């Protein structure tokens, strides 16, 4: 799993039928990279998210063979700095 921060959102008005419903979010990864991930949770810009990739991401969808390689599986809560 990897983590990053949502920095944008994409819309796909044309999409294949097996692409599940959800937003396509642009995520800046904690290591400085970027990716687009499918978001079934409703995360927003600025949220720190947890992402899974590959067959685990595609395997989440049991009713269709989804062409998904990056899936947001959680919104990470920020811990306040220690005193």
PDB file of N, CA and C in Angstrom:
ATOM      1  N   UNK A   1       0.843  -1.173   0.000  1.00  0.00           N
ATOM      2  CA  UNK A   1       0.000   0.000   0.000  1.00  0.00           C
ATOM      3  C   UNK A   1       0.887   1.234   0.000  1.00  0.00           C
ATOM      4  N   UNK A   2       0.357   2.278  -0.574  1.00  0.00           N
ATOM      5  CA  UNK A   2       1.075   3.549  -0.620  1.00  0.00           C
ATOM      6  C   UNK A   2       0.137   4.656  -0.153  1.00  0.00           C
ATOM      7  N   UNK A   3       0.714   5.795   0.184  1.00  0.00           N
ATOM      8  CA  UNK A   3      -0.124   6.905   0.626  1.00  0.00           C
ATOM      9  C   UNK A   3       0.273   8.176  -0.099  1.00  0.00           C
ATOM     10  N   UNK A   4      -0.679   9.103  -0.122  1.00  0.00           N
ATOM     11  CA  UNK A   4      -0.443  10.376  -0.770  1.00  0.00           C
ATOM     12  C   UNK A   4      -1.571  11.340  -0.460  1.00  0.00           C
ATOM     13  N   UNK A   5      -1.500  12.508  -1.073  1.00  0.00           N
ATOM     14  CA  UNK A   5      -2.498  13.554  -0.840  1.00  0.00           C
ATOM     15  C   UNK A   5      -3.222  13.874  -2.137  1.00  0.00           C
ATOM     16  N   UNK A   6      -4.555  13.955  -2.066  1.00  0.00           N
ATOM     17  CA  UNK A   6      -5.373  14.273  -3.235  1.00  0.00           C
ATOM     18  C   UNK A   6      -5.124  15.717  -3.642  1.00  0.00           C
ATOM     19  N   UNK A   7      -4.767  15.923  -4.915  1.00  0.00           N
ATOM     20  CA  UNK A   7      -4.501  17.288  -5.392  1.00  0.00           C
ATOM     21  C   UNK A   7      -5.399  17.692  -6.553  1.00  0.00           C
ATOM     22  N   UNK A   8      -6.261  16.796  -6.992  1.00  0.00           N
ATOM     23  CA  UNK A   8      -7.155  17.150  -8.090  1.00  0.00           C
ATOM     24  C   UNK A   8      -8.120  16.028  -8.400  1.00  0.00           C
ATOM     25  N   UNK A   9      -9.000  16.312  -9.350  1.00  0.00           N
ATOM     26  CA  UNK A   9     -10.058  15.372  -9.715  1.00  0.00           C
ATOM     27  C   UNK A   9     -10.223  15.407 -11.229  1.00  0.00           C
ATOM     28  N   UNK A  10     -10.477  14.242 -11.815  1.00  0.00           N
ATOM     29  CA  UNK A  10     -10.731  14.142 -13.252  1.00  0.00           C
ATOM     30  C   UNK A  10     -12.140  13.623 -13.479  1.00  0.00           C
ATOM     31  N   UNK A  11     -12.737  14.048 -14.580  1.00  0.00           N
ATOM     32  CA  UNK A  11     -14.038  13.541 -14.990  1.00  0.00           C
ATOM     33  C   UNK A  11     -13.855  12.788 -16.288  1.00  0.00           C
ATOM     34  N   UNK A  12     -14.540  11.677 -16.426  1.00  0.00           N
ATOM     35  CA  UNK A  12     -14.496  10.894 -17.666  1.00  0.00           C
ATOM     36  C   UNK A  12     -15.931  10.772 -18.177  1.00  0.00           C
ATOM     37  N   UNK A  13     -16.292  11.630 -19.110  1.00  0.00           N
ATOM     38  CA  UNK A  13     -17.650  11.579 -19.644  1.00  0.00           C
ATOM     39  C   UNK A  13     -17.827  10.383 -20.575  1.00  0.00           C
ATOM     40  N   UNK A  14     -16.736   9.917 -21.132  1.00  0.00           N
ATOM     41  CA  UNK A  14     -16.744   8.690 -21.935  1.00  0.00           C
ATOM     42  C   UNK A  14     -15.900   7.674 -21.194  1.00  0.00           C
ATOM     43  N   UNK A  15     -16.490   6.528 -20.890  1.00  0.00           N
ATOM     44  CA  UNK A  15     -15.781   5.483 -20.162  1.00  0.00           C
ATOM     45  C   UNK A  15     -16.335   4.126 -20.518  1.00  0.00           C
ATOM     46  N   UNK A  16     -15.517   3.086 -20.397  1.00  0.00           N
ATOM     47  CA  UNK A  16     -15.986   1.748 -20.708  1.00  0.00           C
ATOM     48  C   UNK A  16     -16.953   1.283 -19.630  1.00  0.00           C
ATOM     49  N   UNK A  17     -17.826   0.372 -19.993  1.00  0.00           N
ATOM     50  CA  UNK A  17     -18.888  -0.072 -19.086  1.00  0.00           C
ATOM     51  C   UNK A  17     -18.372  -0.750 -17.821  1.00  0.00           C
ATOM     52  N   UNK A  18     -17.213  -1.399 -17.898  1.00  0.00           N
ATOM     53  CA  UNK A  18     -16.723  -2.133 -16.729  1.00  0.00           C
ATOM     54  C   UNK A  18     -15.925  -1.276 -15.752  1.00  0.00           C
ATOM     55  N   UNK A  19     -15.742   0.009 -16.059  1.00  0.00           N
ATOM     56  CA  UNK A  19     -15.094   0.904 -15.095  1.00  0.00           C
ATOM     57  C   UNK A  19     -16.133   1.280 -14.044  1.00  0.00           C
ATOM     58  N   UNK A  20     -15.917   0.874 -12.793  1.00  0.00           N
ATOM     59  CA  UNK A  20     -16.911   1.135 -11.744  1.00  0.00           C
ATOM     60  C   UNK A  20     -17.123   2.630 -11.508  1.00  0.00           C
ATOM     61  N   UNK A  21     -18.258   2.947 -10.904  1.00  0.00           N
ATOM     62  CA  UNK A  21     -18.551   4.330 -10.555  1.00  0.00           C
ATOM     63  C   UNK A  21     -17.604   4.784  -9.452  1.00  0.00           C
ATOM     64  N   UNK A  22     -17.217   6.032  -9.522  1.00  0.00           N
ATOM     65  CA  UNK A  22     -16.326   6.616  -8.535  1.00  0.00           C
ATOM     66  C   UNK A  22     -15.530   7.725  -9.200  1.00  0.00           C
ATOM     67  N   UNK A  23     -14.992   8.593  -8.395  1.00  0.00           N
ATOM     68  CA  UNK A  23     -14.192   9.700  -8.920  1.00  0.00           C
ATOM     69  C   UNK A  23     -12.797   9.201  -9.288  1.00  0.00           C
ATOM     70  N   UNK A  24     -12.205   9.862 -10.258  1.00  0.00           N
ATOM     71  CA  UNK A  24     -10.811   9.610 -10.605  1.00  0.00           C
ATOM     72  C   UNK A  24     -10.003  10.753 -10.001  1.00  0.00           C
ATOM     73  N   UNK A  25      -9.210  10.434  -8.981  1.00  0.00           N
ATOM     74  CA  UNK A  25      -8.494  11.468  -8.244  1.00  0.00           C
ATOM     75  C   UNK A  25      -7.013  11.475  -8.591  1.00  0.00           C
ATOM     76  N   UNK A  26      -6.463  12.680  -8.726  1.00  0.00           N
ATOM     77  CA  UNK A  26      -5.029  12.869  -8.953  1.00  0.00           C
ATOM     78  C   UNK A  26      -4.397  12.944  -7.565  1.00  0.00           C
ATOM     79  N   UNK A  27      -3.442  12.047  -7.319  1.00  0.00           N
ATOM     80  CA  UNK A  27      -2.825  11.951  -5.998  1.00  0.00           C
ATOM     81  C   UNK A  27      -1.319  12.188  -6.109  1.00  0.00           C
ATOM     82  N   UNK A  28      -0.795  13.075  -5.272  1.00  0.00           N
ATOM     83  CA  UNK A  28       0.650  13.253  -5.150  1.00  0.00           C
ATOM     84  C   UNK A  28       1.105  12.297  -4.057  1.00  0.00           C
ATOM     85  N   UNK A  29       1.925  11.338  -4.414  1.00  0.00           N
ATOM     86  CA  UNK A  29       2.377  10.329  -3.471  1.00  0.00           C
ATOM     87  C   UNK A  29       3.377  10.915  -2.482  1.00  0.00           C
ATOM     88  N   UNK A  30       3.483  10.285  -1.337  1.00  0.00           N
ATOM     89  CA  UNK A  30       4.404  10.756  -0.302  1.00  0.00           C
ATOM     90  C   UNK A  30       5.852  10.730  -0.783  1.00  0.00           C
ATOM     91  N   UNK A  31       6.169   9.869  -1.770  1.00  0.00           N
ATOM     92  CA  UNK A  31       7.541   9.809  -2.296  1.00  0.00           C
ATOM     93  C   UNK A  31       7.784  10.809  -3.420  1.00  0.00           C
ATOM     94  N   UNK A  32       6.783  11.657  -3.723  1.00  0.00           N
ATOM     95  CA  UNK A  32       6.933  12.691  -4.745  1.00  0.00           C
ATOM     96  C   UNK A  32       6.339  12.342  -6.094  1.00  0.00           C
ATOM     97  N   UNK A  33       5.998  11.083  -6.311  1.00  0.00           N
ATOM     98  CA  UNK A  33       5.376  10.673  -7.569  1.00  0.00           C
ATOM     99  C   UNK A  33       3.913  11.083  -7.639  1.00  0.00           C
ATOM    100  N   UNK A  34       3.283  10.772  -8.750  1.00  0.00           N
ATOM    101  CA  UNK A  34       1.866  11.093  -8.960  1.00  0.00           C
ATOM    102  C   UNK A  34       1.166   9.885  -9.553  1.00  0.00           C
ATOM    103  N   UNK A  35      -0.130   9.758  -9.302  1.00  0.00           N
ATOM    104  CA  UNK A  35      -0.943   8.757  -9.979  1.00  0.00           C
ATOM    105  C   UNK A  35      -2.403   9.165  -9.955  1.00  0.00           C
ATOM    106  N   UNK A  36      -3.184   8.479 -10.778  1.00  0.00           N
ATOM    107  CA  UNK A  36      -4.636   8.652 -10.790  1.00  0.00           C
ATOM    108  C   UNK A  36      -5.225   7.383 -10.180  1.00  0.00           C
ATOM    109  N   UNK A  37      -6.086   7.544  -9.190  1.00  0.00           N
ATOM    110  CA  UNK A  37      -6.679   6.406  -8.499  1.00  0.00           C
ATOM    111  C   UNK A  37      -8.198   6.535  -8.481  1.00  0.00           C
ATOM    112  N   UNK A  38      -8.865   5.398  -8.594  1.00  0.00           N
ATOM    113  CA  UNK A  38     -10.323   5.375  -8.489  1.00  0.00           C
ATOM    114  C   UNK A  38     -10.707   5.497  -7.020  1.00  0.00           C
ATOM    115  N   UNK A  39     -11.674   6.358  -6.743  1.00  0.00           N
ATOM    116  CA  UNK A  39     -12.088   6.622  -5.369  1.00  0.00           C
ATOM    117  C   UNK A  39     -13.555   6.262  -5.156  1.00  0.00           C
ATOM    118  N   UNK A  40     -13.846   5.107  -4.554  1.00  0.00           N
ATOM    119  CA  UNK A  40     -15.233   4.754  -4.257  1.00  0.00           C
ATOM    120  C   UNK A  40     -15.733   5.336  -2.933  1.00  0.00           C
ATOM    121  N   UNK A  41     -14.857   6.050  -2.203  1.00  0.00           N
ATOM    122  CA  UNK A  41     -15.185   6.525  -0.855  1.00  0.00           C
ATOM    123  C   UNK A  41     -15.706   7.951  -0.790  1.00  0.00           C
ATOM    124  N   UNK A  42     -15.424   8.765  -1.798  1.00  0.00           N
ATOM    125  CA  UNK A  42     -15.849  10.160  -1.766  1.00  0.00           C
ATOM    126  C   UNK A  42     -14.837  11.083  -1.114  1.00  0.00           C
ATOM    127  N   UNK A  43     -13.555  10.797  -1.257  1.00  0.00           N
ATOM    128  CA  UNK A  43     -12.501  11.641  -0.686  1.00  0.00           C
ATOM    129  C   UNK A  43     -12.426  12.967  -1.435  1.00  0.00           C
ATOM    130  N   UNK A  44     -11.881  13.969  -0.771  1.00  0.00           N
ATOM    131  CA  UNK A  44     -11.798  15.293  -1.363  1.00  0.00           C
ATOM    132  C   UNK A  44     -10.380  15.806  -1.454  1.00  0.00           C
ATOM    133  N   UNK A  45     -10.244  16.933  -2.126  1.00  0.00           N
ATOM    134  CA  UNK A  45      -8.938  17.554  -2.305  1.00  0.00           C
ATOM    135  C   UNK A  45      -8.313  17.870  -0.950  1.00  0.00           C
ATOM    136  N   UNK A  46      -7.021  17.565  -0.819  1.00  0.00           N
ATOM    137  CA  UNK A  46      -6.298  17.809   0.408  1.00  0.00           C
ATOM    138  C   UNK A  46      -6.265  16.625   1.360  1.00  0.00           C
ATOM    139  N   UNK A  47      -7.123  15.632   1.153  1.00  0.00           N
ATOM    140  CA  UNK A  47      -7.141  14.471   2.053  1.00  0.00           C
ATOM    141  C   UNK A  47      -5.918  13.592   1.827  1.00  0.00           C
ATOM    142  N   UNK A  48      -5.420  13.032   2.922  1.00  0.00           N
ATOM    143  CA  UNK A  48      -4.322  12.070   2.882  1.00  0.00           C
ATOM    144  C   UNK A  48      -4.969  10.697   2.745  1.00  0.00           C
ATOM    145  N   UNK A  49      -4.629   9.960   1.674  1.00  0.00           N
ATOM    146  CA  UNK A  49      -5.323   8.718   1.366  1.00  0.00           C
ATOM    147  C   UNK A  49      -4.365   7.537   1.304  1.00  0.00           C
ATOM    148  N   UNK A  50      -4.927   6.350   1.487  1.00  0.00           N
ATOM    149  CA  UNK A  50      -4.210   5.090   1.393  1.00  0.00           C
ATOM    150  C   UNK A  50      -4.659   4.403   0.113  1.00  0.00           C
ATOM    151  N   UNK A  51      -3.698   3.911  -0.669  1.00  0.00           N
ATOM    152  CA  UNK A  51      -3.986   3.364  -1.996  1.00  0.00           C
ATOM    153  C   UNK A  51      -3.411   1.957  -2.103  1.00  0.00           C
ATOM    154  N   UNK A  52      -4.169   1.069  -2.733  1.00  0.00           N
ATOM    155  CA  UNK A  52      -3.656  -0.244  -3.096  1.00  0.00           C
ATOM    156  C   UNK A  52      -3.608  -0.316  -4.612  1.00  0.00           C
ATOM    157  N   UNK A  53      -2.709  -1.140  -5.132  1.00  0.00           N
ATOM    158  CA  UNK A  53      -2.525  -1.207  -6.576  1.00  0.00           C
ATOM    159  C   UNK A  53      -2.549  -2.643  -7.080  1.00  0.00           C
ATOM    160  N   UNK A  54      -2.631  -2.775  -8.392  1.00  0.00           N
ATOM    161  CA  UNK A  54      -2.516  -4.060  -9.051  1.00  0.00           C
ATOM    162  C   UNK A  54      -3.729  -4.951  -8.878  1.00  0.00           C
ATOM    163  N   UNK A  55      -3.477  -6.262  -8.788  1.00  0.00           N
ATOM    164  CA  UNK A  55      -4.568  -7.236  -8.738  1.00  0.00           C
ATOM    165  C   UNK A  55      -5.437  -7.073  -7.497  1.00  0.00           C
ATOM    166  N   UNK A  56      -4.867  -6.561  -6.413  1.00  0.00           N
ATOM    167  CA  UNK A  56      -5.667  -6.328  -5.200  1.00  0.00           C
ATOM    168  C   UNK A  56      -6.705  -5.243  -5.472  1.00  0.00           C
ATOM    169  N   UNK A  57      -6.307  -4.189  -6.173  1.00  0.00           N
ATOM    170  CA  UNK A  57      -7.241  -3.104  -6.509  1.00  0.00           C
ATOM    171  C   UNK A  57      -8.351  -3.620  -7.416  1.00  0.00           C
ATOM    172  N   UNK A  58      -7.999  -4.334  -8.464  1.00  0.00           N
ATOM    173  CA  UNK A  58      -8.999  -4.859  -9.403  1.00  0.00           C
ATOM    174  C   UNK A  58      -9.884  -5.908  -8.746  1.00  0.00           C
ATOM    175  N   UNK A  59      -9.309  -6.700  -7.836  1.00  0.00           N
ATOM    176  CA  UNK A  59     -10.050  -7.764  -7.175  1.00  0.00           C
ATOM    177  C   UNK A  59     -11.103  -7.289  -6.197  1.00  0.00           C
ATOM    178  N   UNK A  60     -11.050  -6.022  -5.816  1.00  0.00           N
ATOM    179  CA  UNK A  60     -12.060  -5.464  -4.906  1.00  0.00           C
ATOM    180  C   UNK A  60     -13.454  -5.554  -5.512  1.00  0.00           C
ATOM    181  N   UNK A  61     -13.537  -5.438  -6.816  1.00  0.00           N
ATOM    182  CA  UNK A  61     -14.825  -5.424  -7.512  1.00  0.00           C
ATOM    183  C   UNK A  61     -15.204  -6.848  -7.873  1.00  0.00           C
ATOM    184  N   UNK A  62     -16.217  -7.391  -7.214  1.00  0.00           N
ATOM    185  CA  UNK A  62     -16.581  -8.795  -7.377  1.00  0.00           C
ATOM    186  C   UNK A  62     -17.582  -9.043  -8.497  1.00  0.00           C
ATOM    187  N   UNK A  63     -18.339  -8.043  -8.891  1.00  0.00           N
ATOM    188  CA  UNK A  63     -19.379  -8.273  -9.893  1.00  0.00           C
ATOM    189  C   UNK A  63     -18.925  -8.003 -11.323  1.00  0.00           C
ATOM    190  N   UNK A  64     -17.798  -7.313 -11.505  1.00  0.00           N
ATOM    191  CA  UNK A  64     -17.267  -7.018 -12.836  1.00  0.00           C
ATOM    192  C   UNK A  64     -15.757  -7.219 -12.838  1.00  0.00           C
ATOM    193  N   UNK A  65     -15.216  -7.447 -14.013  1.00  0.00           N
ATOM    194  CA  UNK A  65     -13.759  -7.491 -14.163  1.00  0.00           C
ATOM    195  C   UNK A  65     -13.329  -6.056 -14.443  1.00  0.00           C
ATOM    196  N   UNK A  66     -12.975  -5.350 -13.386  1.00  0.00           N
ATOM    197  CA  UNK A  66     -12.715  -3.918 -13.469  1.00  0.00           C
ATOM    198  C   UNK A  66     -11.277  -3.620 -13.901  1.00  0.00           C
ATOM    199  N   UNK A  67     -11.097  -2.703 -14.860  1.00  0.00           N
ATOM    200  CA  UNK A  67      -9.761  -2.306 -15.291  1.00  0.00           C
ATOM    201  C   UNK A  67      -9.183  -1.225 -14.369  1.00  0.00           C
ATOM    202  N   UNK A  68      -9.010  -1.579 -13.111  1.00  0.00           N
ATOM    203  CA  UNK A  68      -8.550  -0.615 -12.112  1.00  0.00           C
ATOM    204  C   UNK A  68      -7.185  -1.065 -11.596  1.00  0.00           C
ATOM    205  N   UNK A  69      -6.206  -0.162 -11.637  1.00  0.00           N
ATOM    206  CA  UNK A  69      -4.862  -0.492 -11.161  1.00  0.00           C
ATOM    207  C   UNK A  69      -4.500   0.261  -9.888  1.00  0.00           C
ATOM    208  N   UNK A  70      -5.255   1.281  -9.527  1.00  0.00           N
ATOM    209  CA  UNK A  70      -4.999   2.032  -8.295  1.00  0.00           C
ATOM    210  C   UNK A  70      -6.350   2.378  -7.670  1.00  0.00           C
ATOM    211  N   UNK A  71      -6.533   1.988  -6.412  1.00  0.00           N
ATOM    212  CA  UNK A  71      -7.806   2.144  -5.732  1.00  0.00           C
ATOM    213  C   UNK A  71      -7.586   2.758  -4.355  1.00  0.00           C
ATOM    214  N   UNK A  72      -8.306   3.834  -4.070  1.00  0.00           N
ATOM    215  CA  UNK A  72      -8.240   4.455  -2.742  1.00  0.00           C
ATOM    216  C   UNK A  72      -9.062   3.599  -1.789  1.00  0.00           C
ATOM    217  N   UNK A  73      -8.412   3.128  -0.717  1.00  0.00           N
ATOM    218  CA  UNK A  73      -9.086   2.230   0.216  1.00  0.00           C
ATOM    219  C   UNK A  73      -9.254   2.835   1.606  1.00  0.00           C
ATOM    220  N   UNK A  74      -8.752   4.045   1.804  1.00  0.00           N
ATOM    221  CA  UNK A  74      -8.924   4.673   3.109  1.00  0.00           C
ATOM    222  C   UNK A  74      -8.501   6.130   3.093  1.00  0.00           C
ATOM    223  N   UNK A  75      -9.100   6.887   3.997  1.00  0.00           N
ATOM    224  CA  UNK A  75      -8.714   8.282   4.232  1.00  0.00           C
ATOM    225  C   UNK A  75      -7.998   8.294   5.563  1.00  0.00           C
ATOM    226  N   UNK A  76      -6.727   8.711   5.545  1.00  0.00           N
ATOM    227  CA  UNK A  76      -5.902   8.665   6.746  1.00  0.00           C
ATOM    228  C   UNK A  76      -6.131   9.902   7.615  1.00  0.00           C
ATOM    229  N   UNK A  77      -6.418   9.671   8.877  1.00  0.00           N
ATOM    230  CA  UNK A  77      -6.580  10.788   9.809  1.00  0.00           C
ATOM    231  C   UNK A  77      -5.204  11.271  10.210  1.00  0.00           C
ATOM    232  N   UNK A  78      -5.066  12.569  10.286  1.00  0.00           N
ATOM    233  CA  UNK A  78      -3.801  13.170  10.691  1.00  0.00           C
ATOM    234  C   UNK A  78      -3.737  13.209  12.206  1.00  0.00           C
ATOM    235  N   UNK A  79      -2.600  12.873  12.743  1.00  0.00           N
ATOM    236  CA  UNK A  79      -2.412  12.929  14.182  1.00  0.00           C
ATOM    237  C   UNK A  79      -1.810  14.288  14.536  1.00  0.00           C
ATOM    238  N   UNK A  80      -2.324  14.962  15.564  1.00  0.00           N
ATOM    239  CA  UNK A  80      -1.744  16.251  15.960  1.00  0.00           C
ATOM    240  C   UNK A  80      -0.306  16.065  16.424  1.00  0.00           C
ATOM    241  N   UNK A  81       0.523  17.079  16.247  1.00  0.00           N
ATOM    242  CA  UNK A  81       1.914  16.970  16.712  1.00  0.00           C
ATOM    243  C   UNK A  81       1.986  16.753  18.215  1.00  0.00           C
ATOM    244  N   UNK A  82       2.987  15.991  18.646  1.00  0.00           N
ATOM    245  CA  UNK A  82       3.191  15.744  20.086  1.00  0.00           C
ATOM    246  C   UNK A  82       3.664  17.009  20.773  1.00  0.00           C
ATOM    247  N   UNK A  83       3.299  17.160  22.040  1.00  0.00           N
ATOM    248  CA  UNK A  83       3.720  18.327  22.810  1.00  0.00           C
ATOM    249  C   UNK A  83       5.009  18.047  23.538  1.00  0.00           C
TER     250      UNK A  83
END
